[in-house]
Amino acid sequence: MGKDFIVVPDGTVTTPKGFQAGGLHCGLKKTERHDLGVIYCEVPAAAAGVYTLNQFQAAPLKVTQESIAAEGRLQVMLVNSGNANACTGRQGEEDARSMRAAVAAAFGVKEHLAGVTSTGVIGELLPMPKVLGGIEKLPARVSIEGGDDFCQAILTTDLVKKETCVSVTVGGRTVHIAGAAKGSGMIHPNMATMLGFMTTDANIESQHLQKLLNDVTDSTFNMITVDGDTSTNDMVVVMASGLAGGDALTPEHPDWEAFRAGFEYVGAYLAKAIARDGEGATKLIEVTVSGAESRDAARAIAKTVIGSSLVKSACFGADANWGRIIAAVGRAGQPVNTETVDIRLGDIVTLEQSRPVKFDEEKALEYLKGDFVHIHVNLNMGEASATAWGCDLTYDYVRINAAYRT
């Protein structure tokens, strides 16, 4: 529970009014796990999206951007796992458009109201007969209870599904905000392979939704890293049905901050879930940088620390090596007073005013053996702060990625 919102137990992307979802196995994965999923809204929903900054942007992302640009709305969002449809040239683009046309026809909506995205192996053409055959079956597989099937359909190397939902009171009405995501490897967003899907029944126009998504992405999805790699397919899409009713939400609405708080909680929850499920990970690491001169500086330093292979390895080995942390702070390319830095591991002070502090090594060892590690860096230079999330670097990360295609 938060000040402005309530977490909905067992909530899914279908909890907001107007949404259904589903998934099935169409043959893209070698196992029988779902590999094709869809979110459907009974009305055209206001839509917004953020996309990978990788220059090799996968074909489905280009197609989805075109769809949203047409009217600022989506009614169907299709996703496949097992094949990224990235670096597949003109044929890949044609296949993405064929998927959009097919799912639009299957659900009886205009083509520009359909979006598509893919995740999986890069550089292989989609087996389109299997994909199109699966799309034909999707309408019979969607329901209000289909949130779990959708979550299963978007997983690749993920070990667990990632979803959450909150309710917020807006104008005396209950509004829901929900989200589902996949991602555990190739996670270093400016955008992270990460896919996120958010739904809400709030009455909000596309331009306000886009600005909110941009802002929240900067403080949540863009503050996680697993391995420093940015995928070709990263994307977060949000759809707002408006079926909760009431006056349109704008930044001037008296309940805007409550809605924003709920929206940001969903983004942060999914971001942390992705970091916690990093390939081979045994623990979630949270890095908070405070006392910075600017928020941008705090963010850059937090991301540098969380992305350091040496810091991640030390956490895996339960080694309270604060030297690796201070080294990452110093190479982040941001202003630092080298005489005023404090570092804590949990509540254990290891550095004060840039000078070592004697601490209980056994206590530190026990703390770092846990499944959550909080590193706090105080620069003592200003008022700005930021938090980033990541995971430890383990033997299993190498094993998983050495055999990804097999």
Protein backbone atom coordinates (compact mmCIF):
# COMPACT_ATOMS: atom_id res chain seq x y z
CA MET A 1 0.00 0.00 0.00
CA GLY A 2 1.19 3.53 -0.77
CA LYS A 3 -0.01 6.97 0.17
CA ASP A 4 -1.89 7.52 -3.08
CA PHE A 5 -2.61 4.01 -4.33
CA ILE A 6 -3.43 0.49 -3.23
CA VAL A 7 -1.69 -2.61 -4.57
CA VAL A 8 -4.26 -5.04 -5.99
CA PRO A 9 -3.41 -8.65 -5.04
CA ASP A 10 -3.39 -10.95 -8.08
CA GLY A 11 -4.06 -8.00 -10.40
CA THR A 12 -3.07 -8.43 -14.06
CA VAL A 13 -3.14 -6.44 -17.31
CA THR A 14 -6.81 -7.41 -17.61
CA THR A 15 -7.84 -5.89 -14.27
CA PRO A 16 -8.44 -2.40 -15.76
CA LYS A 17 -11.88 -2.18 -17.39
CA GLY A 18 -12.12 -3.17 -21.04
CA PHE A 19 -9.05 -5.40 -21.32
CA GLN A 20 -8.67 -9.07 -22.14
CA ALA A 21 -5.54 -11.08 -22.81
CA GLY A 22 -4.35 -14.53 -23.74
CA GLY A 23 -1.54 -16.67 -25.02
CA LEU A 24 -0.77 -19.94 -26.77
CA HIS A 25 2.02 -22.07 -28.21
CA CYS A 26 2.37 -21.70 -31.97
CA GLY A 27 5.70 -23.47 -32.46
CA LEU A 28 8.35 -20.73 -32.14
CA LYS A 29 9.82 -22.28 -29.01
CA LYS A 30 11.21 -25.78 -28.88
CA THR A 31 9.30 -26.44 -25.67
CA GLU A 32 5.51 -26.35 -25.33
CA ARG A 33 5.61 -23.02 -23.47
CA HIS A 34 3.42 -20.22 -24.79
CA ASP A 35 5.17 -18.12 -27.41
CA LEU A 36 2.39 -15.91 -28.80
CA GLY A 37 0.35 -13.52 -26.70
CA VAL A 38 -2.06 -10.62 -27.11
CA ILE A 39 -3.71 -7.84 -25.15
CA TYR A 40 -7.10 -6.75 -26.53
CA CYS A 41 -9.18 -3.74 -25.54
CA GLU A 42 -12.89 -3.57 -26.29
CA VAL A 43 -12.49 0.07 -27.39
CA PRO A 44 -9.66 1.92 -29.14
CA ALA A 45 -7.35 2.88 -26.25
CA ALA A 46 -5.16 5.95 -25.95
CA ALA A 47 -1.63 4.69 -26.43
CA ALA A 48 1.97 5.68 -25.85
CA GLY A 49 5.31 3.94 -26.26
CA VAL A 50 9.03 4.20 -25.61
CA TYR A 51 11.55 2.28 -27.65
CA THR A 52 15.15 1.08 -27.69
CA LEU A 53 17.90 3.53 -28.57
CA ASN A 54 19.86 0.74 -30.23
CA GLN A 55 20.44 1.85 -33.85
CA PHE A 56 19.53 -1.65 -35.04
CA GLN A 57 15.89 -1.30 -34.09
CA ALA A 58 13.85 -4.43 -34.75
CA ALA A 59 11.17 -4.34 -37.46
CA PRO A 60 8.14 -4.78 -35.14
CA LEU A 61 9.06 -1.65 -33.18
CA LYS A 62 9.00 0.44 -36.35
CA VAL A 63 5.58 -0.95 -37.23
CA THR A 64 4.16 -0.26 -33.76
CA GLN A 65 5.50 3.29 -33.81
CA GLU A 66 3.69 3.83 -37.12
CA SER A 67 0.46 2.50 -35.64
CA ILE A 68 0.55 4.76 -32.59
CA ALA A 69 1.56 7.77 -34.68
CA ALA A 70 -1.51 7.36 -36.90
CA GLU A 71 -4.11 8.20 -34.25
CA GLY A 72 -2.49 7.89 -30.83
CA ARG A 73 -4.53 4.76 -30.16
CA LEU A 74 -4.21 0.98 -30.06
CA GLN A 75 -6.79 -1.75 -29.59
CA VAL A 76 -4.69 -4.88 -29.99
CA MET A 77 -1.08 -5.51 -28.93
CA LEU A 78 0.52 -8.72 -30.26
CA VAL A 79 3.79 -10.19 -29.01
CA ASN A 80 5.77 -13.28 -29.85
CA SER A 81 8.75 -14.78 -28.02
CA GLY A 82 11.38 -17.15 -29.36
CA ASN A 83 12.33 -14.95 -32.32
CA ALA A 84 13.22 -11.24 -32.22
CA ASN A 85 12.62 -10.48 -35.92
CA ALA A 86 15.62 -8.14 -35.68
CA CYS A 87 18.33 -7.61 -38.31
CA THR A 88 16.12 -9.47 -40.78
CA GLY A 89 16.03 -6.82 -43.52
CA ARG A 90 13.10 -6.06 -45.78
CA GLN A 91 11.60 -9.52 -45.24
CA GLY A 92 11.50 -8.89 -41.50
CA GLU A 93 9.60 -5.64 -42.01
CA GLU A 94 7.16 -7.35 -44.35
CA ASP A 95 6.64 -10.10 -41.77
CA ALA A 96 5.97 -7.56 -39.02
CA ARG A 97 3.39 -5.84 -41.22
CA SER A 98 1.83 -9.18 -42.05
CA MET A 99 1.52 -9.91 -38.33
CA ARG A 100 -0.13 -6.53 -37.76
CA ALA A 101 -2.58 -7.07 -40.62
CA ALA A 102 -3.38 -10.59 -39.43
CA VAL A 103 -4.03 -9.71 -35.80
CA ALA A 104 -6.13 -6.68 -36.82
CA ALA A 105 -8.25 -8.89 -39.06
CA ALA A 106 -8.55 -11.61 -36.41
CA PHE A 107 -9.94 -9.13 -33.85
CA GLY A 108 -11.92 -7.04 -36.33
CA VAL A 109 -10.10 -3.75 -35.79
CA LYS A 110 -8.51 -1.23 -38.14
CA GLU A 111 -4.93 -2.13 -38.99
CA HIS A 112 -3.43 1.03 -37.48
CA LEU A 113 -5.03 0.10 -34.14
CA ALA A 114 -2.81 -2.98 -33.89
CA GLY A 115 0.75 -3.09 -32.56
CA VAL A 116 3.29 -5.91 -32.72
CA THR A 117 6.52 -6.75 -30.97
CA SER A 118 8.89 -9.69 -30.77
CA THR A 119 11.61 -11.05 -28.50
CA GLY A 120 14.09 -13.88 -28.82
CA VAL A 121 16.98 -14.79 -31.10
CA ILE A 122 18.30 -12.02 -33.38
CA GLY A 123 18.89 -12.52 -37.11
CA GLU A 124 16.48 -15.33 -37.91
CA LEU A 125 13.37 -14.97 -40.07
CA LEU A 126 10.06 -15.76 -38.42
CA PRO A 127 8.37 -19.01 -39.50
CA MET A 128 5.34 -17.06 -40.69
CA PRO A 129 2.97 -19.99 -41.33
CA LYS A 130 3.26 -20.92 -37.65
CA VAL A 131 2.85 -17.30 -36.53
CA LEU A 132 -0.16 -16.61 -38.74
CA GLY A 133 -1.75 -19.91 -37.73
CA GLY A 134 -1.37 -18.95 -34.10
CA ILE A 135 -2.82 -15.49 -34.65
CA GLU A 136 -5.98 -17.04 -36.12
CA LYS A 137 -6.50 -18.97 -32.88
CA LEU A 138 -5.91 -16.04 -30.51
CA PRO A 139 -9.44 -14.55 -30.45
CA ALA A 140 -10.74 -17.78 -28.90
CA ARG A 141 -7.99 -17.69 -26.28
CA VAL A 142 -8.47 -14.18 -24.86
CA SER A 143 -10.45 -13.49 -21.71
CA ILE A 144 -10.47 -11.39 -18.56
CA GLU A 145 -8.72 -14.36 -16.92
CA GLY A 146 -6.01 -14.47 -19.58
CA GLY A 147 -3.41 -12.27 -17.91
CA ASP A 148 -1.31 -15.21 -16.75
CA ASP A 149 -1.29 -16.84 -20.19
CA PHE A 150 -0.11 -13.53 -21.66
CA CYS A 151 2.70 -13.30 -19.11
CA GLN A 152 3.84 -16.82 -19.95
CA ALA A 153 3.84 -16.01 -23.67
CA ILE A 154 6.35 -13.17 -23.38
CA LEU A 155 9.07 -15.00 -21.44
CA THR A 156 12.42 -16.09 -22.90
CA THR A 157 15.20 -16.77 -20.38
CA ASP A 158 13.05 -15.32 -17.60
CA LEU A 159 12.51 -17.61 -14.64
CA VAL A 160 9.37 -15.91 -13.35
CA LYS A 161 6.51 -13.85 -14.72
CA LYS A 162 6.47 -10.17 -13.84
CA GLU A 163 3.18 -8.38 -13.26
CA THR A 164 1.49 -6.00 -10.84
CA CYS A 165 -1.58 -3.80 -10.49
CA VAL A 166 -2.68 -0.86 -8.35
CA SER A 167 -5.89 1.08 -7.83
CA VAL A 168 -6.08 4.86 -7.49
CA THR A 169 -9.01 7.12 -6.67
CA VAL A 170 -9.50 9.74 -9.39
CA GLY A 171 -12.43 12.10 -9.15
CA GLY A 172 -14.13 9.76 -6.70
CA ARG A 173 -13.84 6.82 -9.11
CA THR A 174 -11.59 3.78 -8.85
CA VAL A 175 -8.97 3.66 -11.59
CA HIS A 176 -6.66 0.69 -12.15
CA ILE A 177 -3.11 0.70 -13.52
CA ALA A 178 -1.52 -2.65 -14.35
CA GLY A 179 1.61 -3.93 -15.99
CA ALA A 180 3.43 -7.01 -17.22
CA ALA A 181 7.02 -7.29 -18.41
CA LYS A 182 9.69 -9.69 -19.57
CA GLY A 183 13.42 -9.37 -19.32
CA SER A 184 16.41 -10.98 -17.64
CA GLY A 185 19.29 -10.59 -20.09
CA MET A 186 20.50 -7.83 -22.47
CA ILE A 187 19.27 -5.37 -19.87
CA HIS A 188 20.79 -1.89 -19.95
CA PRO A 189 18.07 0.47 -21.03
CA ASN A 190 17.96 3.64 -22.52
CA MET A 191 15.44 1.34 -22.72
CA ALA A 192 16.72 -2.41 -21.41
CA THR A 193 15.84 -7.51 -23.82
CA MET A 194 13.03 -5.85 -22.09
CA LEU A 195 9.38 -5.60 -23.05
CA GLY A 196 6.82 -3.86 -20.88
CA PHE A 197 3.07 -3.61 -21.28
CA MET A 198 0.90 -1.34 -19.13
CA THR A 199 -2.87 -0.99 -19.14
CA THR A 200 -5.19 1.42 -17.37
CA ASP A 201 -8.87 2.32 -17.50
CA ALA A 202 -8.08 5.97 -16.79
CA ASN A 203 -9.57 8.63 -19.05
CA ILE A 204 -6.37 10.19 -20.36
CA GLU A 205 -5.35 11.42 -23.80
CA SER A 206 -2.36 10.07 -25.67
CA GLN A 207 -0.18 13.18 -25.37
CA HIS A 208 -0.43 13.24 -21.57
CA LEU A 209 0.09 9.49 -21.42
CA GLN A 210 3.22 9.79 -23.58
CA LYS A 211 4.75 12.52 -21.42
CA LEU A 212 4.00 10.52 -18.26
CA LEU A 213 5.50 7.35 -19.74
CA ASN A 214 8.64 9.23 -20.81
CA ASP A 215 9.11 10.66 -17.31
CA VAL A 216 8.43 7.40 -15.49
CA THR A 217 10.65 5.41 -17.85
CA ASP A 218 13.56 7.69 -17.00
CA SER A 219 13.25 6.93 -13.27
CA THR A 220 12.34 3.23 -13.51
CA PHE A 221 13.02 1.16 -16.63
CA ASN A 222 16.01 3.31 -17.58
CA MET A 223 17.54 2.81 -14.14
CA ILE A 224 18.11 -0.94 -14.35
CA THR A 225 20.98 -2.94 -15.75
CA VAL A 226 21.92 -6.61 -15.80
CA ASP A 227 24.79 -6.83 -18.24
CA GLY A 228 25.29 -3.47 -19.95
CA ASP A 229 23.74 -4.62 -23.24
CA THR A 230 20.90 -2.72 -24.87
CA SER A 231 18.66 -4.90 -27.01
CA THR A 232 17.33 -4.25 -30.49
CA ASN A 233 13.77 -4.93 -29.32
CA ASP A 234 13.24 -3.04 -26.06
CA MET A 235 9.86 -1.38 -25.78
CA VAL A 236 7.25 -0.29 -23.27
CA VAL A 237 3.70 0.33 -24.46
CA VAL A 238 0.80 1.65 -22.39
CA MET A 239 -2.89 1.53 -23.33
CA ALA A 240 -5.65 3.52 -21.60
CA SER A 241 -9.24 2.42 -22.23
CA GLY A 242 -10.88 5.40 -20.50
CA LEU A 243 -13.66 3.11 -19.28
CA ALA A 244 -13.32 4.17 -15.64
CA GLY A 245 -15.06 7.34 -16.80
CA GLY A 246 -14.87 10.76 -15.20
CA ASP A 247 -13.17 13.92 -16.34
CA ALA A 248 -10.07 13.55 -18.48
CA LEU A 249 -6.83 13.29 -16.55
CA THR A 250 -4.32 16.06 -17.19
CA PRO A 251 -1.41 17.39 -15.13
CA GLU A 252 -3.83 20.06 -13.85
CA HIS A 253 -6.30 17.49 -12.48
CA PRO A 254 -6.39 17.48 -8.65
CA ASP A 255 -5.75 13.71 -8.63
CA TRP A 256 -2.94 13.76 -11.19
CA GLU A 257 -0.19 13.23 -8.61
CA ALA A 258 -2.02 10.23 -7.15
CA PHE A 259 -2.36 8.72 -10.63
CA ARG A 260 1.29 9.45 -11.36
CA ALA A 261 2.35 7.81 -8.08
CA GLY A 262 0.45 4.64 -8.98
CA PHE A 263 1.83 4.69 -12.53
CA GLU A 264 5.38 5.10 -11.24
CA TYR A 265 4.92 2.29 -8.72
CA VAL A 266 3.95 -0.10 -11.52
CA GLY A 267 6.98 0.95 -13.58
CA ALA A 268 9.36 0.63 -10.63
CA TYR A 269 7.91 -2.74 -9.58
CA LEU A 270 8.40 -4.19 -13.07
CA ALA A 271 11.87 -2.68 -13.40
CA LYS A 272 13.00 -4.19 -10.10
CA ALA A 273 11.43 -7.53 -11.01
CA ILE A 274 13.49 -7.58 -14.21
CA ALA A 275 16.68 -6.75 -12.33
CA ARG A 276 15.96 -9.40 -9.67
CA ASP A 277 15.41 -12.00 -12.41
CA GLY A 278 18.68 -11.19 -14.19
CA GLU A 279 20.15 -14.23 -15.91
CA GLY A 280 21.83 -16.36 -13.26
CA ALA A 281 21.21 -13.75 -10.57
CA THR A 282 21.05 -14.65 -6.89
CA LYS A 283 20.28 -11.20 -5.49
CA LEU A 284 18.77 -7.81 -6.30
CA ILE A 285 21.17 -4.89 -5.86
CA GLU A 286 19.86 -1.37 -5.26
CA VAL A 287 22.20 1.62 -5.53
CA THR A 288 21.08 4.97 -4.14
CA VAL A 289 23.18 8.05 -4.83
CA SER A 290 22.33 11.11 -2.76
CA GLY A 291 23.93 14.51 -2.19
CA ALA A 292 24.54 15.04 -5.91
CA GLU A 293 24.58 18.42 -7.66
CA SER A 294 21.90 17.32 -10.15
CA ARG A 295 19.50 14.46 -10.75
CA ASP A 296 21.28 13.63 -14.01
CA ALA A 297 24.59 13.32 -12.16
CA ALA A 298 23.00 11.11 -9.49
CA ARG A 299 21.46 8.88 -12.14
CA ALA A 300 24.70 8.55 -14.10
CA ILE A 301 26.69 7.61 -11.01
CA ALA A 302 24.06 5.15 -9.77
CA LYS A 303 23.96 3.46 -13.20
CA THR A 304 27.77 3.27 -13.33
CA VAL A 305 27.97 1.61 -9.91
CA ILE A 306 25.15 -0.83 -10.59
CA GLY A 307 26.64 -1.70 -13.98
CA SER A 308 30.16 -2.36 -12.72
CA SER A 309 31.11 -6.00 -13.30
CA LEU A 310 33.49 -5.75 -10.34
CA VAL A 311 30.80 -4.44 -8.00
CA LYS A 312 28.37 -7.10 -9.22
CA SER A 313 31.00 -9.83 -8.76
CA ALA A 314 31.83 -8.60 -5.25
CA CYS A 315 28.15 -8.80 -4.31
CA PHE A 316 27.98 -12.34 -5.67
CA GLY A 317 31.02 -13.30 -3.59
CA ALA A 318 29.72 -11.44 -0.50
CA ASP A 319 32.92 -9.38 -0.48
CA ALA A 320 32.52 -5.95 1.18
CA ASN A 321 34.97 -4.40 -1.27
CA TRP A 322 33.97 -0.74 -1.11
CA GLY A 323 37.00 0.13 -3.24
CA ARG A 324 35.17 -1.17 -6.31
CA ILE A 325 32.25 1.10 -5.48
CA ILE A 326 34.33 4.26 -5.06
CA ALA A 327 36.20 3.44 -8.29
CA ALA A 328 32.89 3.25 -10.18
CA VAL A 329 31.78 6.56 -8.65
CA GLY A 330 34.99 8.21 -9.82
CA ARG A 331 34.73 7.03 -13.43
CA ALA A 332 31.10 7.99 -13.99
CA GLY A 333 32.09 11.24 -15.67
CA GLN A 334 30.21 13.41 -13.17
CA PRO A 335 31.36 16.04 -10.67
CA VAL A 336 32.56 14.45 -7.41
CA ASN A 337 34.27 16.00 -4.41
CA THR A 338 36.86 13.34 -3.64
CA GLU A 339 37.01 14.45 0.00
CA THR A 340 33.32 14.12 0.95
CA VAL A 341 32.01 10.72 -0.20
CA ASP A 342 30.23 8.37 2.25
CA ILE A 343 29.41 4.72 1.43
CA ARG A 344 27.14 2.30 3.27
CA LEU A 345 26.31 -1.36 2.63
CA GLY A 346 22.87 -1.58 4.17
CA ASP A 347 23.42 0.15 7.52
CA ILE A 348 27.12 -0.73 7.61
CA VAL A 349 29.31 2.37 7.11
CA THR A 350 32.45 1.53 5.11
CA LEU A 351 33.58 5.00 4.02
CA GLU A 352 33.06 8.40 5.62
CA GLN A 353 34.26 11.67 4.12
CA SER A 354 36.26 9.56 1.64
CA ARG A 355 38.16 7.86 4.47
CA PRO A 356 37.92 4.15 5.37
CA VAL A 357 35.89 3.29 8.44
CA LYS A 358 36.64 0.16 10.44
CA PHE A 359 33.61 -2.13 10.23
CA ASP A 360 32.61 -5.62 11.28
CA GLU A 361 33.65 -7.83 8.34
CA GLU A 362 31.55 -10.77 9.59
CA LYS A 363 28.44 -8.61 9.82
CA ALA A 364 29.11 -7.33 6.30
CA LEU A 365 29.57 -10.89 5.04
CA GLU A 366 26.24 -11.97 6.48
CA TYR A 367 24.51 -8.94 4.98
CA LEU A 368 25.95 -9.51 1.51
CA LYS A 369 24.94 -13.18 1.60
CA GLY A 370 21.28 -12.12 1.55
CA ASP A 371 19.14 -11.83 -1.58
CA PHE A 372 18.97 -8.01 -1.40
CA VAL A 373 21.89 -5.61 -1.19
CA HIS A 374 21.46 -1.85 -0.79
CA ILE A 375 24.49 0.31 -1.59
CA HIS A 376 24.16 3.94 -0.52
CA VAL A 377 26.59 6.56 -1.83
CA ASN A 378 26.30 10.08 -0.40
CA LEU A 379 28.37 12.64 -2.32
CA ASN A 380 27.58 15.43 0.17
CA MET A 381 27.59 18.02 -2.61
CA GLY A 382 23.95 18.90 -3.20
CA GLU A 383 20.31 17.87 -2.82
CA ALA A 384 19.72 15.57 -5.81
CA SER A 385 19.38 11.79 -5.60
CA ALA A 386 18.59 8.77 -7.77
CA THR A 387 18.22 5.00 -7.42
CA ALA A 388 19.26 2.25 -9.82
CA TRP A 389 18.69 -1.50 -9.72
CA GLY A 390 20.65 -4.47 -10.93
CA CYS A 391 21.83 -7.92 -9.89
CA ASP A 392 24.99 -9.85 -9.13
CA LEU A 393 27.18 -11.39 -11.82
CA THR A 394 27.35 -15.16 -11.46
CA TYR A 395 28.79 -18.24 -13.12
CA ASP A 396 25.32 -19.06 -14.40
CA TYR A 397 25.12 -15.82 -16.42
CA VAL A 398 27.99 -17.06 -18.57
CA ARG A 399 26.50 -20.56 -18.83
CA ILE A 400 23.07 -19.26 -19.92
CA ASN A 401 24.42 -16.89 -22.55
CA ALA A 402 27.08 -19.24 -23.87
CA ALA A 403 24.29 -21.59 -24.96
CA TYR A 404 21.48 -19.12 -25.72
CA ARG A 405 20.83 -20.29 -29.29
CA THR A 406 20.97 -23.98 -28.37
